C-alpha atoms as a PDB file:
ATOM      1  CA  MET A   1      53.905 -51.114 -71.484  1.00  0.00           C
ATOM      2  CA  THR A   2      55.260 -49.378 -68.044  1.00  0.00           C
ATOM      3  CA  ALA A   3      51.642 -47.475 -65.800  1.00  0.00           C
ATOM      4  CA  GLN A   4      52.733 -44.058 -65.794  1.00  0.00           C
ATOM      5  CA  ASN A   5      52.690 -43.444 -61.680  1.00  0.00           C
ATOM      6  CA  GLU A   6      55.969 -46.005 -62.509  1.00  0.00           C
ATOM      7  CA  LEU A   7      58.195 -44.090 -65.213  1.00  0.00           C
ATOM      8  CA  ARG A   8      61.480 -42.141 -64.255  1.00  0.00           C
ATOM      9  CA  LEU A   9      60.654 -38.292 -64.901  1.00  0.00           C
ATOM     10  CA  LEU A  10      63.816 -36.850 -66.264  1.00  0.00           C
ATOM     11  CA  PRO A  11      65.699 -34.071 -65.506  1.00  0.00           C
ATOM     12  CA  TRP A  12      65.487 -32.474 -68.850  1.00  0.00           C
ATOM     13  CA  SER A  13      62.535 -31.440 -71.953  1.00  0.00           C
ATOM     14  CA  GLY A  14      61.674 -32.293 -75.030  1.00  0.00           C
ATOM     15  CA  PRO A  15      60.098 -31.008 -78.084  1.00  0.00           C
ATOM     16  CA  GLU A  16      57.827 -27.677 -77.231  1.00  0.00           C
ATOM     17  CA  GLY A  17      59.118 -28.227 -73.063  1.00  0.00           C
ATOM     18  CA  LYS A  18      57.126 -31.408 -72.697  1.00  0.00           C
ATOM     19  CA  LEU A  19      58.385 -33.539 -70.108  1.00  0.00           C
ATOM     20  CA  CYS A  20      60.693 -36.725 -70.736  1.00  0.00           C
ATOM     21  CA  TYR A  21      59.974 -39.915 -68.923  1.00  0.00           C
ATOM     22  CA  LEU A  22      62.447 -42.669 -68.987  1.00  0.00           C
ATOM     23  CA  SER A  23      60.806 -46.561 -69.111  1.00  0.00           C
ATOM     24  CA  THR A  24      63.210 -48.937 -67.803  1.00  0.00           C
ATOM     25  CA  ASP A  25      63.564 -52.078 -65.630  1.00  0.00           C
ATOM     26  CA  ASN A  26      66.679 -51.517 -65.272  1.00  0.00           C
ATOM     27  CA  ARG A  27      68.111 -48.111 -62.636  1.00  0.00           C
ATOM     28  CA  ASN A  28      71.346 -48.782 -63.377  1.00  0.00           C
ATOM     29  CA  GLY A  29      71.211 -48.595 -66.845  1.00  0.00           C
ATOM     30  CA  SER A  30      72.559 -45.813 -69.034  1.00  0.00           C
ATOM     31  CA  MET A  31      69.659 -43.259 -69.546  1.00  0.00           C
ATOM     32  CA  SER A  32      68.804 -43.809 -65.438  1.00  0.00           C
ATOM     33  CA  ARG A  33      73.206 -43.239 -64.898  1.00  0.00           C
ATOM     34  CA  LEU A  34      72.544 -39.756 -67.498  1.00  0.00           C
ATOM     35  CA  ALA A  35      69.937 -38.521 -65.678  1.00  0.00           C
ATOM     36  CA  ASP A  36      71.274 -39.175 -62.034  1.00  0.00           C
ATOM     37  CA  ASN A  37      74.723 -37.407 -63.243  1.00  0.00           C
ATOM     38  CA  ILE A  38      72.235 -34.528 -64.594  1.00  0.00           C
ATOM     39  CA  GLU A  39      70.017 -34.182 -61.368  1.00  0.00           C
ATOM     40  CA  ALA A  40      73.249 -34.171 -59.519  1.00  0.00           C
ATOM     41  CA  VAL A  41      75.356 -31.471 -61.718  1.00  0.00           C
ATOM     42  CA  GLN A  42      71.773 -29.532 -61.758  1.00  0.00           C
ATOM     43  CA  LEU A  43      71.246 -29.329 -57.794  1.00  0.00           C
ATOM     44  CA  GLY A  44      74.961 -28.047 -57.604  1.00  0.00           C
ATOM     45  CA  THR A  45      73.930 -25.377 -59.834  1.00  0.00           C
ATOM     46  CA  ALA A  46      70.878 -24.198 -57.516  1.00  0.00           C
ATOM     47  CA  ALA A  47      73.650 -24.311 -54.566  1.00  0.00           C
ATOM     48  CA  GLU A  48      76.106 -22.279 -56.342  1.00  0.00           C
ATOM     49  CA  LEU A  49      72.940 -20.006 -56.916  1.00  0.00           C
ATOM     50  CA  LEU A  50      71.798 -19.804 -54.226  1.00  0.00           C
ATOM     51  CA  GLU A  51      75.080 -18.832 -52.685  1.00  0.00           C
ATOM     52  CA  ARG A  52      75.775 -16.329 -55.200  1.00  0.00           C
ATOM     53  CA  ALA A  53      72.309 -14.511 -54.457  1.00  0.00           C
ATOM     54  CA  SER A  54      73.067 -14.692 -50.534  1.00  0.00           C
ATOM     55  CA  GLU A  55      75.821 -12.367 -52.070  1.00  0.00           C
ATOM     56  CA  ALA A  56      74.043 -10.409 -54.069  1.00  0.00           C
ATOM     57  CA  LEU A  57      71.335  -9.617 -51.838  1.00  0.00           C
ATOM     58  CA  ASP A  58      73.972  -8.508 -49.108  1.00  0.00           C
ATOM     59  CA  ASP A  59      75.953  -6.347 -51.383  1.00  0.00           C
ATOM     60  CA  GLN A  60      74.395  -3.328 -51.384  1.00  0.00           C
ATOM     61  CA  ASP A  61      76.138  -2.122 -54.742  1.00  0.00           C
ATOM     62  CA  THR A  62      74.960  -4.817 -56.622  1.00  0.00           C
ATOM     63  CA  ASN A  63      73.255  -2.957 -59.676  1.00  0.00           C
ATOM     64  CA  PRO A  64      69.944  -4.251 -60.368  1.00  0.00           C
ATOM     65  CA  GLU A  65      70.472  -5.200 -64.248  1.00  0.00           C
ATOM     66  CA  ASP A  66      72.892  -8.026 -61.902  1.00  0.00           C
ATOM     67  CA  MET A  67      69.523  -8.870 -59.997  1.00  0.00           C
ATOM     68  CA  ARG A  68      67.395  -9.133 -62.632  1.00  0.00           C
ATOM     69  CA  ARG A  69      69.885 -11.899 -64.565  1.00  0.00           C
ATOM     70  CA  LEU A  70      70.546 -13.983 -60.897  1.00  0.00           C
ATOM     71  CA  ALA A  71      66.632 -14.157 -60.091  1.00  0.00           C
ATOM     72  CA  ASN A  72      66.541 -15.835 -64.169  1.00  0.00           C
ATOM     73  CA  GLU A  73      69.071 -17.809 -62.848  1.00  0.00           C
ATOM     74  CA  LEU A  74      67.487 -18.759 -60.626  1.00  0.00           C
ATOM     75  CA  THR A  75      64.172 -19.172 -61.632  1.00  0.00           C
ATOM     76  CA  SER A  76      65.304 -22.056 -64.613  1.00  0.00           C
ATOM     77  CA  ALA A  77      67.457 -23.517 -61.395  1.00  0.00           C
ATOM     78  CA  LEU A  78      64.712 -23.992 -58.722  1.00  0.00           C
ATOM     79  CA  ARG A  79      62.007 -25.510 -62.174  1.00  0.00           C
ATOM     80  CA  ASP A  80      65.355 -28.568 -62.517  1.00  0.00           C
ATOM     81  CA  VAL A  81      65.222 -28.735 -59.118  1.00  0.00           C
ATOM     82  CA  LEU A  82      61.408 -28.943 -58.737  1.00  0.00           C
ATOM     83  CA  ARG A  83      61.873 -31.361 -61.830  1.00  0.00           C
ATOM     84  CA  VAL A  84      64.162 -33.505 -59.243  1.00  0.00           C
ATOM     85  CA  ALA A  85      62.408 -33.593 -56.384  1.00  0.00           C
ATOM     86  CA  ILE A  86      58.884 -34.609 -58.170  1.00  0.00           C
ATOM     87  CA  SER A  87      60.887 -37.164 -60.450  1.00  0.00           C
ATOM     88  CA  ARG A  88      63.162 -38.696 -56.690  1.00  0.00           C
ATOM     89  CA  GLY A  89      59.400 -38.779 -55.266  1.00  0.00           C
ATOM     90  CA  HIS A  90      58.191 -41.155 -58.066  1.00  0.00           C
ATOM     91  CA  LEU A  91      60.502 -42.997 -57.422  1.00  0.00           C
ATOM     92  CA  LEU A  92      60.107 -43.509 -54.082  1.00  0.00           C
ATOM     93  CA  ALA A  93      56.375 -44.073 -53.817  1.00  0.00           C
ATOM     94  CA  ALA A  94      56.808 -46.803 -57.122  1.00  0.00           C
ATOM     95  CA  GLU A  95      60.054 -48.517 -54.344  1.00  0.00           C
ATOM     96  CA  THR A  96      57.026 -48.190 -51.556  1.00  0.00           C
ATOM     97  CA  GLN A  97      54.196 -50.111 -53.529  1.00  0.00           C
ATOM     98  CA  GLY A  98      56.868 -52.601 -55.009  1.00  0.00           C
ATOM     99  CA  ASN A  99      57.654 -53.677 -51.728  1.00  0.00           C
END
């Protein structure tokens, strides 16, 4: 079995919010490509939310309910981006160890 530090952290959660990992030697396999695509979507969503947040903060007429909703969306996006960063950091470390 692949060691824990060689597993890829996937950009989605399993049952009960538990982390999901992929064990594969093929970084171009269908599950790896799916994870790459989902990560790209998550990063794009985070970028869009950041732009919306900047606009909302500049707009003095933004109501508190909209700000709370935006804060919730930003929290979710930040969680996704952090997971992507951790996953990619692990992949880089595994590549460095392999060389």
